[in-house]
Amino acid sequence: MKVGIIGATGYGGAELLRILQSHPAFTIAAIYSSSQQGKDITAHYPHLSHLSMTLDEIHPEAIAKQTDIVFLGVPSGISAEIAPSLLKAGCTVIDLSGDFRLKNIEQYEKWYNKKPAPKEWVDQAVYAMPEINRSAIKQDTKFISNPGCYPTATLLGLAPVVQNKLAKEGSIIIDAKSGVSGAGQTASFGTIYSELNENFKIYKVNQHQHIPEMEQMLSTWGYEAPITFSTHLVPMTRGIMSTIYVSLASSVDQAKIEQLYMEFYKDEPFIRIRNNNQFPATKEVFGSNYCDIGFLLDERTGRLTIVSVIDNLMKGAAGQAVQNANILCGLDETAGLQLSPVYP
């Protein structure tokens, strides 16, 4: 199975290269760039000298002939321009950007502050988070919209509670933290070393573009109230911790909650549930496709605290994209992803 990567010089693209070079069923046929075409990937990433591949120009018809699947790892706003041309040319596309996640294009324009993709293509995109809606990926699916990093950690943490109607409406509060790689490679004042080192910042207060993505999924589970979502930048390279607070609508104890999570995720190879009042740390999923989840019910307040951690570049981007590609191709969805976390 031949795959291509558009945006191979980004952090998500680099992770795709790392995963796919040793994938048992996929072969990297070509890599593409709109700004560095003609250059060897090693000019941007010397650590990939064993690959030594030239970045090609983006020509949809040529890409359709060269690949069976193309991963689109470009920023939001760019995918909206490129993806339709690729799909018209006959490509099967897995898009890692946010351009096709929101079915309401007015919501996209409001939260992303960008021109939305044409509605016809947004409607065709299958929003695929395997543990939640694996069945949405059909054999003839041509276009997958990969979930965002914060929504992945948060929704996986919330799914057992919300889908079982245990979450009290209007009670969900999410306190999330991310490493700086989530901001990409574009330089900005807030991500330079002297600003980030030994510092801790909240950003996009009540304005983060992932809010409507999470609310869109929650609404399909019957939870209609808005959520409170805060994001913080921490002085580390990669990783997300989503700490979630939710009041419970009915009386249950810690043992019942633990049983609920264990049963909900019992067949999921990339979800690891902690018990006995243990909570995961970002280092424990570093470089892997795992999502680790811990939780504790405060019986005094009736509020459940859920802690969900992922590697934002893996389960939050490239790893989940490959997982989706595996499912699309009828492969074992763990293929190429059996990577233990890098520790310490």
Protein backbone atom coordinates (compact mmCIF):
# COMPACT_ATOMS: atom_id res chain seq x y z
CA MET A 1 0.00 0.00 0.00
CA LYS A 2 1.61 3.25 -1.17
CA VAL A 3 1.21 6.38 0.95
CA GLY A 4 2.19 10.00 0.52
CA ILE A 5 2.63 12.83 3.01
CA ILE A 6 1.83 16.43 2.17
CA GLY A 7 3.43 18.76 4.69
CA ALA A 8 6.20 16.34 5.56
CA THR A 9 8.37 19.09 7.04
CA GLY A 10 5.92 19.83 9.87
CA TYR A 11 6.05 18.10 13.23
CA GLY A 12 3.05 15.94 12.34
CA GLY A 13 4.70 15.06 9.04
CA ALA A 14 7.92 14.08 10.79
CA GLU A 15 5.95 11.75 13.08
CA LEU A 16 4.22 10.19 10.09
CA LEU A 17 7.61 9.53 8.53
CA ARG A 18 8.84 7.96 11.78
CA ILE A 19 5.83 5.63 11.99
CA LEU A 20 5.38 4.76 8.32
CA GLN A 21 9.02 3.90 7.52
CA SER A 22 8.63 0.70 9.55
CA HIS A 23 4.95 0.02 8.89
CA PRO A 24 4.38 -3.60 7.80
CA ALA A 25 1.83 -2.77 5.08
CA PHE A 26 2.47 0.84 4.04
CA THR A 27 5.33 2.12 1.91
CA ILE A 28 6.17 5.81 1.72
CA ALA A 29 5.89 6.46 -2.02
CA ALA A 30 6.45 10.21 -1.96
CA ILE A 31 6.54 13.29 0.26
CA TYR A 32 5.34 16.73 -0.76
CA SER A 33 5.80 20.36 0.15
CA SER A 34 4.46 23.65 -1.17
CA SER A 35 7.46 25.64 0.03
CA GLN A 36 10.48 23.30 -0.04
CA GLN A 37 9.88 21.24 -3.17
CA GLY A 38 13.05 19.90 -4.76
CA LYS A 39 14.89 19.76 -1.45
CA ASP A 40 15.85 16.60 0.37
CA ILE A 41 13.97 16.03 3.63
CA THR A 42 17.35 15.90 5.38
CA ALA A 43 17.83 19.61 4.65
CA HIS A 44 15.00 20.24 7.11
CA TYR A 45 15.38 17.18 9.34
CA PRO A 46 18.98 15.88 9.49
CA HIS A 47 17.83 13.10 11.83
CA LEU A 48 16.04 11.52 8.83
CA SER A 49 19.25 11.05 6.84
CA HIS A 50 18.52 7.32 6.49
CA LEU A 51 15.42 8.20 4.41
CA SER A 52 16.93 10.77 2.04
CA MET A 53 13.74 11.55 0.11
CA THR A 54 13.14 14.54 -2.14
CA LEU A 55 10.15 16.76 -1.45
CA ASP A 56 7.94 16.88 -4.55
CA GLU A 57 5.56 19.58 -5.71
CA ILE A 58 1.86 19.21 -4.96
CA HIS A 59 0.14 18.11 -8.17
CA PRO A 60 -3.13 16.31 -7.30
CA GLU A 61 -3.31 14.20 -10.48
CA ALA A 62 0.27 12.99 -10.02
CA ILE A 63 -0.32 12.29 -6.32
CA ALA A 64 -3.40 10.21 -7.18
CA LYS A 65 -1.24 8.03 -9.45
CA GLN A 66 1.62 7.74 -6.96
CA THR A 67 -0.35 6.90 -3.81
CA ASP A 68 -3.18 4.82 -2.42
CA ILE A 69 -3.57 7.12 0.60
CA VAL A 70 -2.28 10.63 1.16
CA PHE A 71 -1.88 12.17 4.61
CA LEU A 72 -2.49 15.90 4.64
CA GLY A 73 -0.36 17.43 7.38
CA VAL A 74 -0.69 21.12 6.60
CA PRO A 75 -2.08 23.92 8.81
CA SER A 76 -5.77 24.75 9.09
CA GLY A 77 -6.81 27.07 6.30
CA ILE A 78 -4.46 25.35 3.85
CA SER A 79 -6.21 21.98 3.89
CA ALA A 80 -9.45 23.67 2.87
CA GLU A 81 -7.73 24.73 -0.35
CA ILE A 82 -5.81 21.52 -1.09
CA ALA A 83 -8.10 18.68 -0.04
CA PRO A 84 -10.90 19.25 -2.59
CA SER A 85 -8.41 19.16 -5.47
CA LEU A 86 -6.90 15.93 -4.17
CA LEU A 87 -10.32 14.32 -3.78
CA LYS A 88 -11.41 15.41 -7.26
CA ALA A 89 -8.24 13.80 -8.65
CA GLY A 90 -9.21 10.52 -7.01
CA CYS A 91 -7.00 10.56 -3.92
CA THR A 92 -7.97 8.98 -0.62
CA VAL A 93 -7.21 11.67 1.95
CA ILE A 94 -6.62 11.64 5.70
CA ASP A 95 -6.54 15.26 6.84
CA LEU A 96 -4.81 16.16 10.11
CA SER A 97 -6.01 19.79 10.14
CA GLY A 98 -9.17 21.25 11.64
CA ASP A 99 -10.67 22.37 8.34
CA PHE A 100 -13.19 19.56 7.95
CA ARG A 101 -14.00 18.60 11.54
CA LEU A 102 -16.88 21.00 12.13
CA LYS A 103 -20.02 20.22 10.15
CA ASN A 104 -21.35 23.73 10.78
CA ILE A 105 -19.17 25.90 8.55
CA GLU A 106 -20.38 29.08 10.23
CA GLN A 107 -18.96 27.67 13.46
CA TYR A 108 -15.67 27.02 11.70
CA GLU A 109 -15.46 30.59 10.43
CA LYS A 110 -16.25 31.95 13.91
CA TRP A 111 -13.79 29.85 15.88
CA TYR A 112 -10.95 29.50 13.37
CA ASN A 113 -11.32 32.98 11.92
CA LYS A 114 -10.69 31.56 8.46
CA LYS A 115 -12.71 31.02 5.32
CA PRO A 116 -14.36 27.60 5.58
CA ALA A 117 -14.04 24.81 3.05
CA PRO A 118 -16.98 24.31 0.69
CA LYS A 119 -19.89 22.64 2.51
CA GLU A 120 -20.05 19.75 0.04
CA TRP A 121 -16.54 18.63 1.02
CA VAL A 122 -17.10 19.20 4.73
CA ASP A 123 -20.15 16.93 4.49
CA GLN A 124 -18.09 14.20 2.81
CA ALA A 125 -15.39 14.18 5.49
CA VAL A 126 -15.71 11.35 8.03
CA TYR A 127 -14.73 12.52 11.50
CA ALA A 128 -12.99 9.44 12.85
CA MET A 129 -11.91 8.80 16.43
CA PRO A 130 -11.54 5.00 16.36
CA GLU A 131 -12.46 4.26 19.97
CA ILE A 132 -15.61 6.35 19.64
CA ASN A 133 -16.89 5.92 16.08
CA ARG A 134 -14.76 3.27 14.39
CA SER A 135 -17.82 2.10 12.40
CA ALA A 136 -17.97 5.45 10.58
CA ILE A 137 -14.97 4.34 8.49
CA LYS A 138 -16.33 2.27 5.61
CA GLN A 139 -14.48 0.27 2.96
CA ASP A 140 -15.31 2.94 0.39
CA THR A 141 -14.44 5.94 2.59
CA LYS A 142 -12.30 8.41 0.63
CA PHE A 143 -11.95 11.28 3.08
CA ILE A 144 -11.17 11.14 6.81
CA SER A 145 -10.95 14.15 9.10
CA ASN A 146 -8.56 13.34 11.93
CA PRO A 147 -9.63 14.67 15.36
CA GLY A 148 -7.79 17.44 17.16
CA CYS A 149 -5.30 16.75 19.93
CA TYR A 150 -7.19 18.34 22.82
CA PRO A 151 -10.53 16.80 21.73
CA THR A 152 -8.91 13.36 21.52
CA ALA A 153 -7.65 13.45 25.09
CA THR A 154 -10.80 15.07 26.44
CA LEU A 155 -13.46 13.08 24.61
CA LEU A 156 -11.76 9.77 25.36
CA GLY A 157 -11.76 10.77 29.01
CA LEU A 158 -15.43 11.75 28.99
CA ALA A 159 -16.99 9.14 26.70
CA PRO A 160 -17.85 6.42 29.26
CA VAL A 161 -19.52 8.91 31.60
CA VAL A 162 -21.39 10.98 29.03
CA GLN A 163 -22.53 8.10 26.85
CA ASN A 164 -23.94 6.39 29.96
CA LYS A 165 -25.88 9.57 30.84
CA LEU A 166 -24.02 10.12 34.11
CA ALA A 167 -22.85 13.67 33.39
CA LYS A 168 -24.99 16.46 34.77
CA GLU A 169 -25.83 19.02 32.09
CA GLY A 170 -23.73 22.19 32.27
CA SER A 171 -21.17 20.75 34.69
CA ILE A 172 -18.21 19.86 32.44
CA ILE A 173 -15.07 21.91 33.04
CA ILE A 174 -11.79 21.01 31.31
CA ASP A 175 -8.39 22.28 32.43
CA ALA A 176 -5.94 21.22 29.69
CA LYS A 177 -2.20 21.63 29.27
CA SER A 178 0.02 21.11 26.24
CA GLY A 179 3.65 21.03 25.27
CA VAL A 180 4.91 23.68 22.85
CA SER A 181 5.09 21.38 19.80
CA GLY A 182 1.31 21.81 19.53
CA ALA A 183 1.98 25.33 18.28
CA GLY A 184 3.93 24.01 15.28
CA GLN A 185 7.16 25.40 13.89
CA THR A 186 6.09 28.97 13.19
CA ALA A 187 8.03 31.29 15.47
CA SER A 188 6.05 33.49 17.84
CA PHE A 189 6.85 35.63 20.86
CA GLY A 190 4.99 33.31 23.23
CA THR A 191 6.97 30.22 22.26
CA ILE A 192 10.53 31.54 22.30
CA TYR A 193 12.75 30.01 24.98
CA SER A 194 13.00 33.06 27.23
CA GLU A 195 9.19 33.34 27.36
CA LEU A 196 8.42 29.65 27.76
CA ASN A 197 11.21 28.39 30.01
CA GLU A 198 10.32 28.35 33.71
CA ASN A 199 6.92 29.75 32.84
CA PHE A 200 3.32 28.58 32.70
CA LYS A 201 0.74 30.33 30.51
CA ILE A 202 -2.97 30.17 29.94
CA TYR A 203 -4.03 31.03 26.39
CA LYS A 204 -7.14 31.40 24.21
CA VAL A 205 -9.35 31.70 27.29
CA ASN A 206 -12.91 30.67 26.29
CA GLN A 207 -11.82 31.06 22.65
CA HIS A 208 -10.00 27.86 21.70
CA GLN A 209 -11.00 26.48 18.31
CA HIS A 210 -11.32 22.95 19.70
CA ILE A 211 -14.31 23.90 21.86
CA PRO A 212 -16.95 23.47 19.11
CA GLU A 213 -15.34 20.20 18.01
CA MET A 214 -15.82 18.75 21.48
CA GLU A 215 -19.32 20.16 21.83
CA GLN A 216 -20.25 18.71 18.44
CA MET A 217 -19.32 15.20 19.58
CA LEU A 218 -20.84 15.62 23.03
CA SER A 219 -24.14 16.63 21.44
CA THR A 220 -24.25 13.35 19.51
CA TRP A 221 -24.10 11.63 22.90
CA GLY A 222 -27.03 13.69 24.19
CA TYR A 223 -25.05 16.26 26.18
CA GLU A 224 -26.25 19.63 24.84
CA ALA A 225 -24.85 22.16 27.33
CA PRO A 226 -21.74 24.23 26.53
CA ILE A 227 -18.46 23.29 28.18
CA THR A 228 -15.81 25.39 29.89
CA PHE A 229 -12.41 24.69 28.37
CA SER A 230 -9.11 26.29 29.38
CA THR A 231 -5.74 25.63 27.78
CA HIS A 232 -2.26 26.18 29.17
CA LEU A 233 1.18 26.08 27.61
CA VAL A 234 3.77 24.30 29.72
CA PRO A 235 7.56 24.25 29.28
CA MET A 236 7.85 20.83 27.67
CA THR A 237 8.10 19.75 24.05
CA ARG A 238 5.22 17.30 23.69
CA GLY A 239 2.30 15.87 25.58
CA ILE A 240 -1.22 16.82 26.65
CA MET A 241 -2.88 16.44 30.01
CA SER A 242 -6.61 17.05 30.10
CA THR A 243 -7.99 17.34 33.64
CA ILE A 244 -11.77 17.11 33.49
CA TYR A 245 -14.30 17.90 36.19
CA VAL A 246 -17.88 16.68 35.82
CA SER A 247 -20.76 16.52 38.29
CA LEU A 248 -22.64 13.24 38.21
CA ALA A 249 -26.37 13.11 37.59
CA SER A 250 -26.93 9.95 39.63
CA SER A 251 -25.41 8.31 42.66
CA VAL A 252 -22.55 5.93 41.90
CA ASP A 253 -19.41 4.98 43.77
CA GLN A 254 -15.76 4.76 42.72
CA ALA A 255 -15.97 1.02 42.11
CA LYS A 256 -18.89 1.51 39.72
CA ILE A 257 -17.01 4.20 37.79
CA GLU A 258 -13.96 1.96 37.54
CA GLN A 259 -16.10 -0.92 36.26
CA LEU A 260 -17.71 1.43 33.73
CA TYR A 261 -14.37 2.54 32.25
CA MET A 262 -12.90 -0.95 32.20
CA GLU A 263 -15.92 -2.31 30.37
CA PHE A 264 -16.16 0.62 27.95
CA TYR A 265 -12.53 0.30 26.82
CA LYS A 266 -11.94 -3.42 27.35
CA ASP A 267 -11.26 -4.10 23.66
CA GLU A 268 -9.33 -0.91 22.88
CA PRO A 269 -5.60 -1.55 22.36
CA PHE A 270 -4.53 2.07 22.87
CA ILE A 271 -6.56 2.97 25.95
CA ARG A 272 -4.99 2.17 29.31
CA ILE A 273 -7.13 2.68 32.41
CA ARG A 274 -5.55 3.38 35.79
CA ASN A 275 -7.21 2.20 38.97
CA ASN A 276 -6.66 2.34 42.72
CA ASN A 277 -6.54 6.14 42.70
CA GLN A 278 -3.63 6.28 40.24
CA PHE A 279 -3.25 9.09 37.72
CA PRO A 280 -1.19 9.13 34.50
CA ALA A 281 1.57 11.56 33.56
CA THR A 282 2.47 12.82 30.08
CA LYS A 283 5.89 11.16 30.21
CA GLU A 284 4.15 7.78 30.42
CA VAL A 285 2.73 8.10 26.88
CA PHE A 286 5.61 10.05 25.29
CA GLY A 287 6.23 8.92 21.69
CA SER A 288 3.36 6.41 21.75
CA ASN A 289 -0.21 6.11 20.51
CA TYR A 290 -1.59 5.41 23.97
CA CYS A 291 -4.18 7.40 25.87
CA ASP A 292 -3.89 6.79 29.62
CA ILE A 293 -6.86 7.66 31.82
CA GLY A 294 -7.24 7.92 35.60
CA PHE A 295 -10.19 9.15 37.65
CA LEU A 296 -11.43 9.67 41.19
CA LEU A 297 -14.92 10.37 42.44
CA ASP A 298 -15.27 12.91 45.23
CA GLU A 299 -18.25 11.51 47.09
CA ARG A 300 -18.42 14.66 49.18
CA THR A 301 -19.19 16.87 46.15
CA GLY A 302 -20.52 14.27 43.73
CA ARG A 303 -17.92 15.45 41.24
CA LEU A 304 -15.72 13.14 39.18
CA THR A 305 -12.16 14.17 38.30
CA ILE A 306 -10.80 12.54 35.13
CA VAL A 307 -7.19 12.85 33.98
CA SER A 308 -6.45 11.88 30.38
CA VAL A 309 -2.98 12.09 28.81
CA ILE A 310 -1.73 11.64 25.26
CA ASP A 311 1.25 12.55 23.13
CA ASN A 312 -0.15 15.41 21.05
CA LEU A 313 1.93 14.45 18.00
CA MET A 314 1.02 10.76 18.19
CA LYS A 315 -2.46 9.91 19.49
CA GLY A 316 -3.28 13.59 18.99
CA ALA A 317 -2.18 13.64 15.34
CA ALA A 318 0.04 11.25 13.35
CA GLY A 319 -0.52 8.09 15.39
CA GLN A 320 -4.29 8.39 15.25
CA ALA A 321 -4.09 9.17 11.52
CA VAL A 322 -2.20 5.91 10.91
CA GLN A 323 -4.67 4.09 13.15
CA ASN A 324 -7.47 5.42 10.95
CA ALA A 325 -5.58 4.39 7.82
CA ASN A 326 -5.16 0.87 9.21
CA ILE A 327 -8.90 0.59 9.78
CA LEU A 328 -9.66 2.00 6.34
CA CYS A 329 -7.43 -0.63 4.71
CA GLY A 330 -8.79 -3.52 6.75
CA LEU A 331 -5.52 -3.99 8.64
CA ASP A 332 -4.94 -4.64 12.30
CA GLU A 333 -5.36 -1.11 13.63
CA THR A 334 -2.25 -1.47 15.81
CA ALA A 335 -0.04 -2.09 12.74
CA GLY A 336 3.04 0.12 12.87
CA LEU A 337 1.91 1.62 16.17
CA GLN A 338 3.13 -0.91 18.73
CA LEU A 339 5.55 1.61 20.15
CA SER A 340 6.26 1.67 23.86
CA PRO A 341 6.46 5.14 25.37
CA VAL A 342 9.94 6.69 25.47
CA TYR A 343 10.96 6.87 29.11
CA PRO A 344 12.38 8.74 30.88
